[in-house]
Amino acid sequence: MDRVLALALFAALAVAVSGNGLGFGQPPAFECETTGYFADFYRSCVVYYWCEDATSKTTYTCGEGKRFDEVTKKCLNEDQVDCPFPSS
């Protein structure tokens, strides 16, 4: 019984830690400040947005193995994109 309980607790912890892949819980919501395309660094640049000022936001996702590059405004191979995780 103790082994089952320990396994269940481990599984629950693994799910909680892997929520955003970094173990920091749910990433913050992206807020638009100006018009343009913007990568979501909290989501490893797989997700990006088209913003129209602070009034409208459209969400896009790059395909498997791709990341959004803010310089070229395209989804490129993940090894071609610098996507730093924001510091607090």
N, C-alpha and C. Protein backbone atom coordinates (compact mmCIF):
# COMPACT_ATOMS: atom_id res chain seq x y z
N MET A 1 0.82 -1.20 0.00
CA MET A 1 0.00 0.00 0.00
C MET A 1 0.87 1.26 0.00
N ASP A 2 1.96 1.23 0.79
CA ASP A 2 2.85 2.39 0.83
C ASP A 2 3.48 2.65 -0.53
N ARG A 3 3.79 1.58 -1.24
CA ARG A 3 4.40 1.72 -2.57
C ARG A 3 3.41 2.37 -3.54
N VAL A 4 2.14 2.01 -3.47
CA VAL A 4 1.12 2.60 -4.35
C VAL A 4 0.95 4.08 -4.03
N LEU A 5 0.91 4.42 -2.76
CA LEU A 5 0.77 5.82 -2.35
C LEU A 5 1.97 6.63 -2.82
N ALA A 6 3.17 6.11 -2.64
CA ALA A 6 4.38 6.81 -3.07
C ALA A 6 4.38 7.02 -4.58
N LEU A 7 3.96 6.00 -5.33
CA LEU A 7 3.90 6.11 -6.78
C LEU A 7 2.87 7.17 -7.20
N ALA A 8 1.73 7.19 -6.54
CA ALA A 8 0.69 8.18 -6.85
C ALA A 8 1.18 9.59 -6.57
N LEU A 9 1.87 9.79 -5.44
CA LEU A 9 2.41 11.10 -5.11
C LEU A 9 3.48 11.54 -6.11
N PHE A 10 4.33 10.60 -6.51
CA PHE A 10 5.35 10.91 -7.50
C PHE A 10 4.72 11.32 -8.82
N ALA A 11 3.69 10.61 -9.25
CA ALA A 11 3.01 10.93 -10.51
C ALA A 11 2.37 12.31 -10.44
N ALA A 12 1.73 12.63 -9.32
CA ALA A 12 1.10 13.94 -9.16
C ALA A 12 2.15 15.05 -9.20
N LEU A 13 3.27 14.83 -8.54
CA LEU A 13 4.35 15.81 -8.54
C LEU A 13 4.91 16.01 -9.94
N ALA A 14 5.09 14.94 -10.67
CA ALA A 14 5.62 15.03 -12.04
C ALA A 14 4.70 15.85 -12.93
N VAL A 15 3.40 15.66 -12.79
CA VAL A 15 2.43 16.43 -13.58
C VAL A 15 2.49 17.90 -13.20
N ALA A 16 2.55 18.19 -11.91
CA ALA A 16 2.59 19.58 -11.45
C ALA A 16 3.86 20.29 -11.91
N VAL A 17 4.98 19.64 -11.84
CA VAL A 17 6.26 20.25 -12.22
C VAL A 17 6.35 20.44 -13.72
N SER A 18 5.78 19.54 -14.48
CA SER A 18 5.90 19.64 -15.94
C SER A 18 4.81 20.49 -16.56
N GLY A 19 4.07 21.24 -15.77
CA GLY A 19 2.98 22.07 -16.28
C GLY A 19 3.38 22.94 -17.45
N ASN A 20 4.52 23.60 -17.38
CA ASN A 20 4.97 24.40 -18.51
C ASN A 20 6.34 23.94 -19.00
N GLY A 21 6.77 22.77 -18.54
CA GLY A 21 8.03 22.22 -18.98
C GLY A 21 9.24 22.72 -18.21
N LEU A 22 9.04 23.73 -17.37
CA LEU A 22 10.15 24.29 -16.62
C LEU A 22 9.97 24.17 -15.12
N GLY A 23 8.84 23.69 -14.68
CA GLY A 23 8.61 23.50 -13.26
C GLY A 23 8.25 24.77 -12.52
N PHE A 24 7.81 25.81 -13.21
CA PHE A 24 7.47 27.07 -12.57
C PHE A 24 5.97 27.32 -12.56
N GLY A 25 5.16 26.32 -12.80
CA GLY A 25 3.71 26.51 -12.84
C GLY A 25 3.27 27.15 -14.15
N GLN A 26 2.08 27.67 -14.14
CA GLN A 26 1.48 28.27 -15.34
C GLN A 26 2.22 29.55 -15.72
N PRO A 27 2.66 29.68 -16.99
CA PRO A 27 3.33 30.91 -17.41
C PRO A 27 2.34 32.08 -17.43
N PRO A 28 2.85 33.30 -17.30
CA PRO A 28 1.95 34.46 -17.31
C PRO A 28 1.32 34.68 -18.67
N ALA A 29 0.18 35.35 -18.68
CA ALA A 29 -0.51 35.68 -19.93
C ALA A 29 0.29 36.74 -20.67
N PHE A 30 0.36 36.62 -21.98
CA PHE A 30 1.08 37.59 -22.80
C PHE A 30 0.22 38.83 -22.97
N GLU A 31 0.81 39.98 -22.75
CA GLU A 31 0.10 41.25 -22.90
C GLU A 31 0.71 42.04 -24.06
N CYS A 32 -0.11 42.44 -24.99
CA CYS A 32 0.35 43.26 -26.12
C CYS A 32 0.54 44.70 -25.66
N GLU A 33 1.61 45.32 -26.15
CA GLU A 33 1.86 46.73 -25.84
C GLU A 33 1.91 47.59 -27.10
N THR A 34 2.25 46.97 -28.23
CA THR A 34 2.37 47.70 -29.49
C THR A 34 2.03 46.77 -30.65
N THR A 35 1.92 47.30 -31.84
CA THR A 35 1.57 46.50 -33.01
C THR A 35 2.78 45.72 -33.51
N GLY A 36 2.56 44.45 -33.88
CA GLY A 36 3.62 43.63 -34.45
C GLY A 36 3.50 42.18 -34.04
N TYR A 37 4.46 41.37 -34.53
CA TYR A 37 4.56 39.96 -34.17
C TYR A 37 5.53 39.82 -33.00
N PHE A 38 5.16 39.01 -32.00
CA PHE A 38 5.98 38.84 -30.82
C PHE A 38 6.01 37.38 -30.37
N ALA A 39 7.21 36.89 -30.10
CA ALA A 39 7.38 35.53 -29.58
C ALA A 39 7.00 35.51 -28.10
N ASP A 40 6.47 34.39 -27.66
CA ASP A 40 6.19 34.19 -26.24
C ASP A 40 7.35 33.39 -25.66
N PHE A 41 8.28 34.08 -25.01
CA PHE A 41 9.47 33.44 -24.46
C PHE A 41 9.13 32.45 -23.36
N TYR A 42 8.05 32.69 -22.63
CA TYR A 42 7.64 31.76 -21.57
C TYR A 42 7.15 30.42 -22.15
N ARG A 43 6.81 30.42 -23.42
CA ARG A 43 6.34 29.20 -24.08
C ARG A 43 7.35 28.76 -25.14
N SER A 44 8.61 29.02 -24.87
CA SER A 44 9.75 28.57 -25.68
C SER A 44 9.69 29.02 -27.13
N CYS A 45 9.02 30.13 -27.40
CA CYS A 45 8.90 30.72 -28.74
C CYS A 45 8.15 29.81 -29.72
N VAL A 46 7.51 28.76 -29.21
CA VAL A 46 6.65 27.93 -30.06
C VAL A 46 5.36 28.69 -30.34
N VAL A 47 4.94 29.48 -29.37
CA VAL A 47 3.74 30.32 -29.49
C VAL A 47 4.19 31.74 -29.80
N TYR A 48 3.47 32.40 -30.70
CA TYR A 48 3.73 33.80 -30.98
C TYR A 48 2.41 34.51 -31.27
N TYR A 49 2.46 35.83 -31.27
CA TYR A 49 1.23 36.63 -31.35
C TYR A 49 1.36 37.73 -32.39
N TRP A 50 0.22 38.06 -32.99
CA TRP A 50 0.08 39.28 -33.77
C TRP A 50 -0.70 40.23 -32.88
N CYS A 51 -0.12 41.37 -32.57
CA CYS A 51 -0.76 42.36 -31.71
C CYS A 51 -1.11 43.60 -32.52
N GLU A 52 -2.28 44.14 -32.26
CA GLU A 52 -2.66 45.44 -32.80
C GLU A 52 -2.85 46.36 -31.60
N ASP A 53 -1.80 47.15 -31.34
CA ASP A 53 -1.73 47.99 -30.14
C ASP A 53 -1.99 47.11 -28.92
N ALA A 54 -2.72 47.60 -27.98
CA ALA A 54 -3.06 46.82 -26.79
C ALA A 54 -4.49 46.32 -26.87
N THR A 55 -5.10 46.43 -28.05
CA THR A 55 -6.53 46.14 -28.16
C THR A 55 -6.86 44.76 -28.72
N SER A 56 -5.96 44.17 -29.49
CA SER A 56 -6.28 42.91 -30.17
C SER A 56 -5.05 42.01 -30.22
N LYS A 57 -5.27 40.71 -29.98
CA LYS A 57 -4.17 39.74 -30.01
C LYS A 57 -4.65 38.48 -30.70
N THR A 58 -3.87 38.00 -31.68
CA THR A 58 -4.14 36.73 -32.35
C THR A 58 -2.98 35.80 -32.03
N THR A 59 -3.29 34.58 -31.60
CA THR A 59 -2.28 33.61 -31.19
C THR A 59 -1.99 32.63 -32.32
N TYR A 60 -0.71 32.36 -32.53
CA TYR A 60 -0.26 31.39 -33.53
C TYR A 60 0.70 30.40 -32.88
N THR A 61 0.88 29.25 -33.53
CA THR A 61 1.80 28.22 -33.04
C THR A 61 2.66 27.74 -34.20
N CYS A 62 3.96 27.63 -33.94
CA CYS A 62 4.87 27.07 -34.95
C CYS A 62 4.71 25.55 -34.97
N GLY A 63 5.05 24.94 -36.07
CA GLY A 63 4.99 23.49 -36.21
C GLY A 63 6.05 22.79 -35.37
N GLU A 64 5.99 21.49 -35.36
CA GLU A 64 6.92 20.67 -34.58
C GLU A 64 8.37 20.95 -34.97
N GLY A 65 9.21 21.16 -33.97
CA GLY A 65 10.62 21.42 -34.21
C GLY A 65 10.94 22.84 -34.65
N LYS A 66 9.94 23.72 -34.64
CA LYS A 66 10.12 25.10 -35.07
C LYS A 66 9.91 26.06 -33.90
N ARG A 67 10.52 27.24 -33.99
CA ARG A 67 10.37 28.31 -33.02
C ARG A 67 10.21 29.62 -33.78
N PHE A 68 9.47 30.57 -33.21
CA PHE A 68 9.27 31.86 -33.86
C PHE A 68 10.47 32.76 -33.63
N ASP A 69 11.00 33.32 -34.70
CA ASP A 69 12.13 34.23 -34.64
C ASP A 69 11.62 35.65 -34.84
N GLU A 70 11.80 36.51 -33.84
CA GLU A 70 11.30 37.88 -33.93
C GLU A 70 12.05 38.72 -34.96
N VAL A 71 13.27 38.34 -35.31
CA VAL A 71 14.04 39.10 -36.29
C VAL A 71 13.48 38.89 -37.69
N THR A 72 13.30 37.63 -38.08
CA THR A 72 12.81 37.31 -39.43
C THR A 72 11.29 37.27 -39.50
N LYS A 73 10.63 37.22 -38.34
CA LYS A 73 9.17 37.12 -38.25
C LYS A 73 8.66 35.84 -38.90
N LYS A 74 9.45 34.75 -38.70
CA LYS A 74 9.10 33.44 -39.27
C LYS A 74 9.36 32.35 -38.24
N CYS A 75 8.72 31.20 -38.45
CA CYS A 75 9.03 30.00 -37.67
C CYS A 75 10.22 29.33 -38.35
N LEU A 76 11.30 29.16 -37.60
CA LEU A 76 12.51 28.53 -38.11
C LEU A 76 12.82 27.28 -37.30
N ASN A 77 13.78 26.49 -37.76
CA ASN A 77 14.21 25.33 -36.98
C ASN A 77 14.66 25.81 -35.61
N GLU A 78 14.32 25.03 -34.57
CA GLU A 78 14.58 25.46 -33.21
C GLU A 78 16.05 25.77 -32.93
N ASP A 79 16.98 25.13 -33.64
CA ASP A 79 18.41 25.40 -33.41
C ASP A 79 18.86 26.71 -34.06
N GLN A 80 17.97 27.37 -34.81
CA GLN A 80 18.30 28.62 -35.46
C GLN A 80 17.74 29.83 -34.71
N VAL A 81 17.01 29.59 -33.62
CA VAL A 81 16.32 30.67 -32.91
C VAL A 81 16.83 30.81 -31.49
N ASP A 82 17.20 32.03 -31.12
CA ASP A 82 17.57 32.34 -29.74
C ASP A 82 16.30 32.70 -28.99
N CYS A 83 15.95 31.90 -28.01
CA CYS A 83 14.71 32.12 -27.27
C CYS A 83 15.00 32.05 -25.77
N PRO A 84 15.54 33.12 -25.21
CA PRO A 84 15.90 33.09 -23.79
C PRO A 84 14.67 33.13 -22.90
N PHE A 85 14.72 32.34 -21.82
CA PHE A 85 13.64 32.39 -20.84
C PHE A 85 13.78 33.69 -20.06
N PRO A 86 12.71 34.49 -19.95
CA PRO A 86 12.82 35.77 -19.26
C PRO A 86 13.23 35.63 -17.80
N SER A 87 14.04 36.55 -17.34
CA SER A 87 14.40 36.57 -15.92
C SER A 87 13.31 37.32 -15.17
N SER A 88 13.21 37.05 -13.90
CA SER A 88 12.13 37.64 -13.09
C SER A 88 12.20 39.13 -13.02
